[in-house]
Amino acid sequence: MESPLIAGLTIAAAAYAGKYSIQAWQVFKSRPATVRMRKFYEGGFQPKMTRREAALILGVRESTPIDKMREAHRRVMIANHPDAGGSHYVASKINEAKEILLGKSKNNDSAF
């Protein structure tokens, strides 16, 4: 006699849990989208670009291998190329970042 009662209570509890989980999901879906983690460099440019800033612009670490740096430069440049609606200034800063990280900068006084 107790097992049908326990089975009925279990089914009722599962139904209420399902109902509230569906309501919670609908509230979760209807909330506005917020950016929690940004994967891009946020902020202005320094007057003289440092290796740290160059790495932030390309989205790599300062000690990243050269082939990975070139791949990151290509990815960022495709997204910001002036022919695709990007800015000439931003494209020049991306190229400057690549040159600094590769050690080819003309106006970089420090030796690597």
N, C-alpha and C. Protein backbone atom coordinates (compact mmCIF):
# COMPACT_ATOMS: atom_id res chain seq x y z
N MET A 1 0.81 -1.19 0.00
CA MET A 1 0.00 0.00 0.00
C MET A 1 0.86 1.27 0.00
N GLU A 2 2.01 1.19 0.60
CA GLU A 2 2.87 2.38 0.63
C GLU A 2 3.58 2.61 -0.69
N SER A 3 3.89 1.58 -1.46
CA SER A 3 4.64 1.78 -2.70
C SER A 3 3.86 2.58 -3.74
N PRO A 4 2.53 2.42 -3.93
CA PRO A 4 1.84 3.31 -4.87
C PRO A 4 1.85 4.76 -4.40
N LEU A 5 1.79 4.97 -3.10
CA LEU A 5 1.83 6.32 -2.57
C LEU A 5 3.19 6.96 -2.83
N ILE A 6 4.24 6.22 -2.58
CA ILE A 6 5.60 6.74 -2.82
C ILE A 6 5.82 6.99 -4.30
N ALA A 7 5.34 6.09 -5.15
CA ALA A 7 5.47 6.27 -6.60
C ALA A 7 4.71 7.52 -7.04
N GLY A 8 3.53 7.74 -6.51
CA GLY A 8 2.74 8.93 -6.87
C GLY A 8 3.42 10.21 -6.44
N LEU A 9 3.96 10.23 -5.23
CA LEU A 9 4.69 11.41 -4.76
C LEU A 9 5.94 11.67 -5.60
N THR A 10 6.62 10.61 -5.99
CA THR A 10 7.82 10.75 -6.82
C THR A 10 7.47 11.34 -8.18
N ILE A 11 6.38 10.87 -8.78
CA ILE A 11 5.95 11.40 -10.08
C ILE A 11 5.53 12.85 -9.95
N ALA A 12 4.82 13.18 -8.89
CA ALA A 12 4.40 14.57 -8.68
C ALA A 12 5.61 15.49 -8.48
N ALA A 13 6.59 15.02 -7.72
CA ALA A 13 7.81 15.83 -7.50
C ALA A 13 8.56 16.03 -8.81
N ALA A 14 8.63 14.99 -9.64
CA ALA A 14 9.31 15.10 -10.93
C ALA A 14 8.57 16.08 -11.84
N ALA A 15 7.24 16.06 -11.81
CA ALA A 15 6.45 16.98 -12.63
C ALA A 15 6.67 18.43 -12.21
N TYR A 16 6.66 18.70 -10.89
CA TYR A 16 6.92 20.06 -10.41
C TYR A 16 8.34 20.51 -10.75
N ALA A 17 9.30 19.61 -10.62
CA ALA A 17 10.69 19.96 -10.96
C ALA A 17 10.81 20.27 -12.44
N GLY A 18 10.14 19.51 -13.27
CA GLY A 18 10.16 19.77 -14.72
C GLY A 18 9.52 21.10 -15.05
N LYS A 19 8.39 21.38 -14.40
CA LYS A 19 7.69 22.65 -14.64
C LYS A 19 8.57 23.84 -14.29
N TYR A 20 9.21 23.80 -13.13
CA TYR A 20 10.05 24.92 -12.71
C TYR A 20 11.35 25.00 -13.51
N SER A 21 11.86 23.89 -13.96
CA SER A 21 13.07 23.95 -14.79
C SER A 21 12.76 24.54 -16.15
N ILE A 22 11.59 24.25 -16.71
CA ILE A 22 11.19 24.86 -17.99
C ILE A 22 11.01 26.36 -17.81
N GLN A 23 10.38 26.78 -16.73
CA GLN A 23 10.22 28.22 -16.47
C GLN A 23 11.57 28.90 -16.29
N ALA A 24 12.47 28.26 -15.58
CA ALA A 24 13.81 28.84 -15.38
C ALA A 24 14.55 28.95 -16.69
N TRP A 25 14.42 27.97 -17.56
CA TRP A 25 15.09 28.01 -18.87
C TRP A 25 14.55 29.15 -19.71
N GLN A 26 13.24 29.36 -19.70
CA GLN A 26 12.64 30.45 -20.47
C GLN A 26 13.11 31.81 -19.96
N VAL A 27 13.23 31.96 -18.66
CA VAL A 27 13.75 33.22 -18.10
C VAL A 27 15.21 33.39 -18.49
N PHE A 28 15.97 32.32 -18.46
CA PHE A 28 17.39 32.38 -18.82
C PHE A 28 17.56 32.77 -20.28
N LYS A 29 16.74 32.23 -21.17
CA LYS A 29 16.83 32.55 -22.59
C LYS A 29 16.41 33.98 -22.88
N SER A 30 15.46 34.52 -22.11
CA SER A 30 14.92 35.85 -22.41
C SER A 30 15.77 36.99 -21.85
N ARG A 31 16.77 36.69 -21.03
CA ARG A 31 17.60 37.76 -20.46
C ARG A 31 18.50 38.34 -21.55
N PRO A 32 18.88 39.60 -21.43
CA PRO A 32 19.73 40.22 -22.45
C PRO A 32 21.14 39.62 -22.42
N ALA A 33 21.71 39.56 -23.60
CA ALA A 33 23.06 39.00 -23.72
C ALA A 33 24.07 39.99 -23.16
N THR A 34 24.95 39.52 -22.32
CA THR A 34 26.02 40.35 -21.78
C THR A 34 27.35 39.70 -22.09
N VAL A 35 28.33 40.52 -22.30
CA VAL A 35 29.66 40.02 -22.58
C VAL A 35 30.37 39.83 -21.25
N ARG A 36 30.76 38.62 -20.98
CA ARG A 36 31.42 38.34 -19.72
C ARG A 36 32.93 38.34 -19.85
N MET A 37 33.42 37.84 -20.95
CA MET A 37 34.86 37.77 -21.13
C MET A 37 35.20 38.33 -22.51
N ARG A 38 36.05 39.30 -22.54
CA ARG A 38 36.44 39.90 -23.81
C ARG A 38 37.76 39.30 -24.25
N LYS A 39 37.84 38.97 -25.54
CA LYS A 39 39.04 38.35 -26.06
C LYS A 39 39.79 39.30 -26.99
N PHE A 40 39.54 40.56 -26.86
CA PHE A 40 40.24 41.51 -27.70
C PHE A 40 40.88 42.58 -26.83
N TYR A 41 41.81 43.29 -27.40
CA TYR A 41 42.52 44.34 -26.69
C TYR A 41 41.60 45.54 -26.57
N GLU A 42 41.36 45.96 -25.34
CA GLU A 42 40.46 47.07 -25.11
C GLU A 42 41.26 48.27 -24.60
N GLY A 43 41.22 49.35 -25.31
CA GLY A 43 41.92 50.54 -24.87
C GLY A 43 42.64 51.21 -26.02
N GLY A 44 43.18 52.38 -25.76
CA GLY A 44 43.90 53.13 -26.78
C GLY A 44 45.32 52.64 -26.95
N PHE A 45 46.00 53.25 -27.88
CA PHE A 45 47.38 52.88 -28.18
C PHE A 45 48.34 53.82 -27.45
N GLN A 46 49.47 53.29 -27.02
CA GLN A 46 50.50 54.09 -26.37
C GLN A 46 51.27 54.86 -27.46
N PRO A 47 51.93 55.98 -27.09
CA PRO A 47 52.69 56.74 -28.09
C PRO A 47 53.80 55.90 -28.74
N LYS A 48 54.47 55.08 -27.93
CA LYS A 48 55.48 54.17 -28.47
C LYS A 48 55.07 52.76 -28.06
N MET A 49 54.84 51.91 -29.02
CA MET A 49 54.31 50.59 -28.74
C MET A 49 55.36 49.70 -28.06
N THR A 50 54.95 49.02 -27.02
CA THR A 50 55.82 48.08 -26.31
C THR A 50 55.52 46.66 -26.79
N ARG A 51 56.40 45.73 -26.41
CA ARG A 51 56.17 44.33 -26.78
C ARG A 51 54.90 43.80 -26.13
N ARG A 52 54.62 44.24 -24.92
CA ARG A 52 53.41 43.80 -24.23
C ARG A 52 52.18 44.27 -24.97
N GLU A 53 52.16 45.54 -25.35
CA GLU A 53 51.01 46.07 -26.08
C GLU A 53 50.86 45.39 -27.44
N ALA A 54 51.98 45.11 -28.10
CA ALA A 54 51.94 44.43 -29.40
C ALA A 54 51.35 43.03 -29.24
N ALA A 55 51.73 42.34 -28.18
CA ALA A 55 51.19 41.00 -27.93
C ALA A 55 49.70 41.07 -27.63
N LEU A 56 49.26 42.08 -26.90
CA LEU A 56 47.83 42.24 -26.61
C LEU A 56 47.04 42.52 -27.88
N ILE A 57 47.58 43.31 -28.77
CA ILE A 57 46.89 43.64 -30.01
C ILE A 57 46.69 42.39 -30.86
N LEU A 58 47.74 41.56 -30.95
CA LEU A 58 47.64 40.35 -31.76
C LEU A 58 46.95 39.21 -31.03
N GLY A 59 46.79 39.33 -29.72
CA GLY A 59 46.13 38.29 -28.97
C GLY A 59 47.01 37.08 -28.69
N VAL A 60 48.32 37.31 -28.57
CA VAL A 60 49.26 36.23 -28.28
C VAL A 60 50.11 36.63 -27.08
N ARG A 61 50.95 35.71 -26.63
CA ARG A 61 51.91 36.03 -25.58
C ARG A 61 53.20 36.53 -26.21
N GLU A 62 54.00 37.21 -25.41
CA GLU A 62 55.26 37.75 -25.93
C GLU A 62 56.22 36.64 -26.35
N SER A 63 56.09 35.48 -25.74
CA SER A 63 57.01 34.38 -26.03
C SER A 63 56.44 33.39 -27.04
N THR A 64 55.42 33.77 -27.78
CA THR A 64 54.80 32.89 -28.76
C THR A 64 55.77 32.65 -29.92
N PRO A 65 55.81 31.43 -30.47
CA PRO A 65 56.67 31.16 -31.63
C PRO A 65 56.29 32.02 -32.84
N ILE A 66 57.25 32.22 -33.71
CA ILE A 66 57.07 33.13 -34.86
C ILE A 66 55.93 32.69 -35.75
N ASP A 67 55.80 31.40 -36.03
CA ASP A 67 54.73 30.96 -36.92
C ASP A 67 53.34 31.22 -36.32
N LYS A 68 53.21 31.09 -35.01
CA LYS A 68 51.93 31.39 -34.36
C LYS A 68 51.65 32.89 -34.38
N MET A 69 52.72 33.71 -34.26
CA MET A 69 52.55 35.17 -34.34
C MET A 69 52.06 35.58 -35.71
N ARG A 70 52.65 34.98 -36.73
CA ARG A 70 52.24 35.31 -38.10
C ARG A 70 50.79 34.88 -38.35
N GLU A 71 50.42 33.74 -37.81
CA GLU A 71 49.03 33.26 -37.94
C GLU A 71 48.06 34.20 -37.22
N ALA A 72 48.43 34.65 -36.03
CA ALA A 72 47.59 35.58 -35.28
C ALA A 72 47.49 36.92 -36.03
N HIS A 73 48.61 37.38 -36.59
CA HIS A 73 48.60 38.63 -37.35
C HIS A 73 47.66 38.51 -38.54
N ARG A 74 47.73 37.40 -39.23
CA ARG A 74 46.86 37.19 -40.39
C ARG A 74 45.39 37.20 -39.97
N ARG A 75 45.06 36.52 -38.88
CA ARG A 75 43.68 36.43 -38.41
C ARG A 75 43.14 37.82 -38.03
N VAL A 76 43.96 38.60 -37.30
CA VAL A 76 43.52 39.93 -36.87
C VAL A 76 43.45 40.88 -38.06
N MET A 77 44.38 40.72 -39.00
CA MET A 77 44.42 41.61 -40.16
C MET A 77 43.23 41.35 -41.09
N ILE A 78 42.84 40.10 -41.22
CA ILE A 78 41.66 39.79 -42.05
C ILE A 78 40.42 40.44 -41.46
N ALA A 79 40.30 40.43 -40.16
CA ALA A 79 39.13 41.02 -39.50
C ALA A 79 39.13 42.55 -39.58
N ASN A 80 40.30 43.18 -39.71
CA ASN A 80 40.39 44.64 -39.66
C ASN A 80 40.99 45.26 -40.92
N HIS A 81 41.01 44.54 -42.02
CA HIS A 81 41.65 45.05 -43.24
C HIS A 81 40.85 46.22 -43.81
N PRO A 82 41.54 47.27 -44.26
CA PRO A 82 40.83 48.44 -44.80
C PRO A 82 39.97 48.11 -46.02
N ASP A 83 40.36 47.15 -46.84
CA ASP A 83 39.54 46.79 -48.00
C ASP A 83 38.24 46.12 -47.61
N ALA A 84 38.18 45.60 -46.38
CA ALA A 84 36.97 44.94 -45.89
C ALA A 84 36.20 45.84 -44.93
N GLY A 85 36.47 47.13 -44.98
CA GLY A 85 35.74 48.07 -44.14
C GLY A 85 36.44 48.43 -42.85
N GLY A 86 37.67 47.98 -42.67
CA GLY A 86 38.42 48.30 -41.46
C GLY A 86 39.10 49.65 -41.56
N SER A 87 39.77 50.02 -40.50
CA SER A 87 40.44 51.31 -40.42
C SER A 87 41.90 51.19 -40.87
N HIS A 88 42.38 52.20 -41.62
CA HIS A 88 43.79 52.21 -42.04
C HIS A 88 44.69 52.35 -40.82
N TYR A 89 44.25 53.14 -39.85
CA TYR A 89 45.05 53.36 -38.64
C TYR A 89 45.20 52.07 -37.84
N VAL A 90 44.11 51.36 -37.66
CA VAL A 90 44.16 50.10 -36.90
C VAL A 90 45.01 49.08 -37.65
N ALA A 91 44.89 49.04 -38.97
CA ALA A 91 45.70 48.11 -39.77
C ALA A 91 47.19 48.43 -39.63
N SER A 92 47.53 49.72 -39.58
CA SER A 92 48.94 50.08 -39.42
C SER A 92 49.44 49.70 -38.03
N LYS A 93 48.58 49.83 -37.02
CA LYS A 93 48.98 49.42 -35.66
C LYS A 93 49.15 47.90 -35.57
N ILE A 94 48.32 47.15 -36.27
CA ILE A 94 48.45 45.69 -36.28
C ILE A 94 49.76 45.29 -36.94
N ASN A 95 50.10 45.95 -38.05
CA ASN A 95 51.37 45.67 -38.72
C ASN A 95 52.56 46.08 -37.85
N GLU A 96 52.43 47.20 -37.15
CA GLU A 96 53.49 47.63 -36.24
C GLU A 96 53.68 46.63 -35.10
N ALA A 97 52.58 46.08 -34.60
CA ALA A 97 52.67 45.08 -33.53
C ALA A 97 53.41 43.84 -34.03
N LYS A 98 53.13 43.42 -35.23
CA LYS A 98 53.82 42.25 -35.80
C LYS A 98 55.31 42.54 -35.94
N GLU A 99 55.65 43.72 -36.43
CA GLU A 99 57.06 44.06 -36.60
C GLU A 99 57.80 44.10 -35.27
N ILE A 100 57.17 44.64 -34.26
CA ILE A 100 57.82 44.72 -32.94
C ILE A 100 58.05 43.33 -32.38
N LEU A 101 57.04 42.46 -32.47
CA LEU A 101 57.20 41.11 -31.92
C LEU A 101 58.20 40.28 -32.71
N LEU A 102 58.34 40.55 -34.00
CA LEU A 102 59.32 39.83 -34.80
C LEU A 102 60.70 40.47 -34.73
N GLY A 103 60.80 41.64 -34.10
CA GLY A 103 62.08 42.32 -33.95
C GLY A 103 62.52 43.08 -35.16
N LYS A 104 61.58 43.48 -36.00
CA LYS A 104 61.92 44.18 -37.23
C LYS A 104 61.59 45.67 -37.18
N SER A 105 61.23 46.18 -36.02
CA SER A 105 60.80 47.56 -35.90
C SER A 105 61.96 48.51 -36.11
N LYS A 106 61.72 49.55 -36.91
CA LYS A 106 62.75 50.56 -37.20
C LYS A 106 62.93 51.53 -36.02
N ASN A 107 61.83 51.81 -35.31
CA ASN A 107 61.90 52.78 -34.22
C ASN A 107 61.92 52.12 -32.86
N ASN A 108 62.29 50.86 -32.79
CA ASN A 108 62.40 50.18 -31.50
C ASN A 108 63.87 50.16 -31.10
N ASP A 109 64.22 50.86 -30.04
CA ASP A 109 65.60 51.05 -29.66
C ASP A 109 66.19 49.87 -28.88
N SER A 110 65.36 49.08 -28.23
CA SER A 110 65.88 48.02 -27.38
C SER A 110 66.30 46.81 -28.20
N ALA A 111 67.35 46.16 -27.75
CA ALA A 111 67.85 44.96 -28.42
C ALA A 111 67.20 43.74 -27.80
N PHE A 112 66.94 42.75 -28.59
CA PHE A 112 66.27 41.55 -28.10
C PHE A 112 67.28 40.44 -27.93
